[in-house]
Amino acid sequence: MKRVVLFLLTNIAVMVVLSISARILGIDRFLTVNGLNMGMLLAFAALIGFGGSFISLMMSKTMAKWST
């Protein structure tokens, strides 16, 4: 349970840093002018990132047990 909570907190922190960085650097305004929604782009990135990370997290315990 602890590793899942740490996993979620880490991924949320990464998404927050990306969002803040995009606002500070003005990337969100550039994307909006070109027809991209920054919020939806971050949501899609979170979905793909969380999915891949979660699969890796679930596989890591099994792989560690197999290697010993």
N, C-alpha and C. Protein backbone atom coordinates (compact mmCIF):
# COMPACT_ATOMS: atom_id res chain seq x y z
N MET A 1 0.82 -1.20 0.00
CA MET A 1 0.00 0.00 0.00
C MET A 1 0.87 1.27 0.00
N LYS A 2 1.96 1.23 0.78
CA LYS A 2 2.84 2.39 0.88
C LYS A 2 3.46 2.73 -0.47
N ARG A 3 3.85 1.71 -1.23
CA ARG A 3 4.50 1.98 -2.52
C ARG A 3 3.52 2.57 -3.53
N VAL A 4 2.25 2.19 -3.45
CA VAL A 4 1.25 2.75 -4.36
C VAL A 4 1.01 4.22 -4.03
N VAL A 5 0.94 4.55 -2.75
CA VAL A 5 0.75 5.94 -2.33
C VAL A 5 1.95 6.80 -2.76
N LEU A 6 3.16 6.28 -2.55
CA LEU A 6 4.36 7.01 -2.99
C LEU A 6 4.38 7.18 -4.50
N PHE A 7 3.95 6.15 -5.21
CA PHE A 7 3.86 6.20 -6.67
C PHE A 7 2.91 7.30 -7.11
N LEU A 8 1.73 7.36 -6.50
CA LEU A 8 0.75 8.39 -6.86
C LEU A 8 1.25 9.79 -6.53
N LEU A 9 1.84 9.95 -5.36
CA LEU A 9 2.36 11.26 -4.97
C LEU A 9 3.47 11.73 -5.91
N THR A 10 4.34 10.81 -6.30
CA THR A 10 5.42 11.17 -7.22
C THR A 10 4.88 11.60 -8.57
N ASN A 11 3.94 10.85 -9.11
CA ASN A 11 3.38 11.18 -10.42
C ASN A 11 2.59 12.49 -10.38
N ILE A 12 1.87 12.72 -9.31
CA ILE A 12 1.13 13.98 -9.18
C ILE A 12 2.11 15.15 -9.07
N ALA A 13 3.20 14.96 -8.33
CA ALA A 13 4.21 16.02 -8.21
C ALA A 13 4.83 16.35 -9.56
N VAL A 14 5.10 15.33 -10.37
CA VAL A 14 5.66 15.56 -11.70
C VAL A 14 4.68 16.34 -12.56
N MET A 15 3.41 16.00 -12.51
CA MET A 15 2.41 16.71 -13.31
C MET A 15 2.28 18.17 -12.86
N VAL A 16 2.35 18.41 -11.56
CA VAL A 16 2.27 19.78 -11.05
C VAL A 16 3.48 20.60 -11.51
N VAL A 17 4.66 20.01 -11.44
CA VAL A 17 5.88 20.71 -11.89
C VAL A 17 5.80 21.01 -13.38
N LEU A 18 5.33 20.06 -14.18
CA LEU A 18 5.17 20.30 -15.62
C LEU A 18 4.18 21.43 -15.89
N SER A 19 3.09 21.44 -15.17
CA SER A 19 2.08 22.47 -15.35
C SER A 19 2.62 23.86 -14.98
N ILE A 20 3.29 23.94 -13.85
CA ILE A 20 3.85 25.22 -13.41
C ILE A 20 4.94 25.70 -14.37
N SER A 21 5.78 24.78 -14.81
CA SER A 21 6.85 25.14 -15.75
C SER A 21 6.27 25.66 -17.06
N ALA A 22 5.22 25.02 -17.54
CA ALA A 22 4.60 25.46 -18.80
C ALA A 22 4.01 26.85 -18.66
N ARG A 23 3.43 27.15 -17.50
CA ARG A 23 2.87 28.48 -17.28
C ARG A 23 3.95 29.54 -17.18
N ILE A 24 5.01 29.23 -16.46
CA ILE A 24 6.10 30.20 -16.29
C ILE A 24 6.78 30.49 -17.61
N LEU A 25 7.01 29.46 -18.41
CA LEU A 25 7.71 29.62 -19.68
C LEU A 25 6.80 30.10 -20.82
N GLY A 26 5.50 30.14 -20.58
CA GLY A 26 4.57 30.61 -21.59
C GLY A 26 4.20 29.58 -22.64
N ILE A 27 4.52 28.33 -22.37
CA ILE A 27 4.22 27.27 -23.33
C ILE A 27 2.71 27.07 -23.47
N ASP A 28 1.98 27.24 -22.37
CA ASP A 28 0.53 27.04 -22.43
C ASP A 28 -0.14 28.05 -23.36
N ARG A 29 0.33 29.29 -23.36
CA ARG A 29 -0.23 30.29 -24.28
C ARG A 29 0.09 29.96 -25.73
N PHE A 30 1.30 29.50 -25.98
CA PHE A 30 1.70 29.10 -27.33
C PHE A 30 0.84 27.94 -27.83
N LEU A 31 0.59 26.96 -26.96
CA LEU A 31 -0.22 25.81 -27.36
C LEU A 31 -1.67 26.21 -27.60
N THR A 32 -2.19 27.12 -26.77
CA THR A 32 -3.57 27.57 -26.92
C THR A 32 -3.76 28.29 -28.25
N VAL A 33 -2.80 29.12 -28.62
CA VAL A 33 -2.88 29.84 -29.90
C VAL A 33 -2.91 28.86 -31.06
N ASN A 34 -2.19 27.76 -30.93
CA ASN A 34 -2.13 26.75 -31.99
C ASN A 34 -3.23 25.70 -31.89
N GLY A 35 -4.20 25.91 -31.00
CA GLY A 35 -5.37 25.05 -30.93
C GLY A 35 -5.25 23.84 -30.02
N LEU A 36 -4.26 23.82 -29.14
CA LEU A 36 -4.11 22.71 -28.20
C LEU A 36 -4.52 23.16 -26.81
N ASN A 37 -5.21 22.29 -26.10
CA ASN A 37 -5.64 22.57 -24.74
C ASN A 37 -4.61 21.99 -23.78
N MET A 38 -3.94 22.83 -23.02
CA MET A 38 -2.88 22.38 -22.12
C MET A 38 -3.40 21.43 -21.06
N GLY A 39 -4.59 21.68 -20.55
CA GLY A 39 -5.18 20.81 -19.53
C GLY A 39 -5.41 19.40 -20.05
N MET A 40 -5.96 19.30 -21.26
CA MET A 40 -6.21 17.98 -21.84
C MET A 40 -4.91 17.29 -22.21
N LEU A 41 -3.92 18.06 -22.65
CA LEU A 41 -2.61 17.48 -22.96
C LEU A 41 -1.97 16.90 -21.71
N LEU A 42 -2.05 17.62 -20.59
CA LEU A 42 -1.52 17.11 -19.33
C LEU A 42 -2.31 15.90 -18.84
N ALA A 43 -3.63 15.90 -19.04
CA ALA A 43 -4.44 14.75 -18.64
C ALA A 43 -4.07 13.52 -19.45
N PHE A 44 -3.86 13.69 -20.75
CA PHE A 44 -3.45 12.57 -21.60
C PHE A 44 -2.07 12.06 -21.19
N ALA A 45 -1.15 12.98 -20.93
CA ALA A 45 0.19 12.58 -20.49
C ALA A 45 0.13 11.84 -19.16
N ALA A 46 -0.74 12.31 -18.26
CA ALA A 46 -0.89 11.64 -16.97
C ALA A 46 -1.46 10.24 -17.15
N LEU A 47 -2.44 10.10 -18.02
CA LEU A 47 -3.05 8.79 -18.26
C LEU A 47 -2.02 7.80 -18.79
N ILE A 48 -1.27 8.20 -19.80
CA ILE A 48 -0.24 7.34 -20.37
C ILE A 48 0.87 7.08 -19.36
N GLY A 49 1.32 8.13 -18.69
CA GLY A 49 2.40 8.00 -17.71
C GLY A 49 2.01 7.16 -16.51
N PHE A 50 0.83 7.41 -15.96
CA PHE A 50 0.37 6.64 -14.82
C PHE A 50 0.18 5.18 -15.20
N GLY A 51 -0.36 4.95 -16.39
CA GLY A 51 -0.58 3.57 -16.83
C GLY A 51 0.71 2.79 -16.94
N GLY A 52 1.68 3.36 -17.63
CA GLY A 52 2.97 2.68 -17.78
C GLY A 52 3.69 2.50 -16.46
N SER A 53 3.65 3.52 -15.62
CA SER A 53 4.31 3.44 -14.32
C SER A 53 3.63 2.42 -13.42
N PHE A 54 2.32 2.35 -13.47
CA PHE A 54 1.59 1.40 -12.63
C PHE A 54 1.89 -0.03 -13.06
N ILE A 55 1.94 -0.28 -14.36
CA ILE A 55 2.29 -1.62 -14.86
C ILE A 55 3.69 -1.98 -14.40
N SER A 56 4.62 -1.05 -14.51
CA SER A 56 6.00 -1.29 -14.07
C SER A 56 6.06 -1.56 -12.57
N LEU A 57 5.30 -0.80 -11.80
CA LEU A 57 5.27 -0.98 -10.35
C LEU A 57 4.75 -2.35 -9.98
N MET A 58 3.69 -2.79 -10.63
CA MET A 58 3.12 -4.10 -10.32
C MET A 58 4.03 -5.24 -10.76
N MET A 59 4.77 -5.04 -11.84
CA MET A 59 5.68 -6.08 -12.32
C MET A 59 6.96 -6.16 -11.48
N SER A 60 7.36 -5.05 -10.86
CA SER A 60 8.65 -5.01 -10.17
C SER A 60 8.70 -5.98 -8.99
N LYS A 61 7.63 -6.10 -8.24
CA LYS A 61 7.62 -7.00 -7.09
C LYS A 61 7.76 -8.44 -7.54
N THR A 62 7.05 -8.82 -8.59
CA THR A 62 7.12 -10.18 -9.12
C THR A 62 8.51 -10.46 -9.67
N MET A 63 9.07 -9.52 -10.41
CA MET A 63 10.40 -9.71 -10.99
C MET A 63 11.46 -9.82 -9.89
N ALA A 64 11.32 -9.05 -8.83
CA ALA A 64 12.28 -9.12 -7.72
C ALA A 64 12.21 -10.48 -7.03
N LYS A 65 11.01 -11.01 -6.88
CA LYS A 65 10.86 -12.34 -6.27
C LYS A 65 11.45 -13.42 -7.16
N TRP A 66 11.28 -13.30 -8.47
CA TRP A 66 11.82 -14.29 -9.39
C TRP A 66 13.35 -14.28 -9.40
N SER A 67 13.95 -13.13 -9.19
CA SER A 67 15.41 -13.01 -9.30
C SER A 67 16.14 -13.52 -8.07
N THR A 68 15.44 -13.74 -6.97
CA THR A 68 16.12 -14.23 -5.76
C THR A 68 15.98 -15.71 -5.59
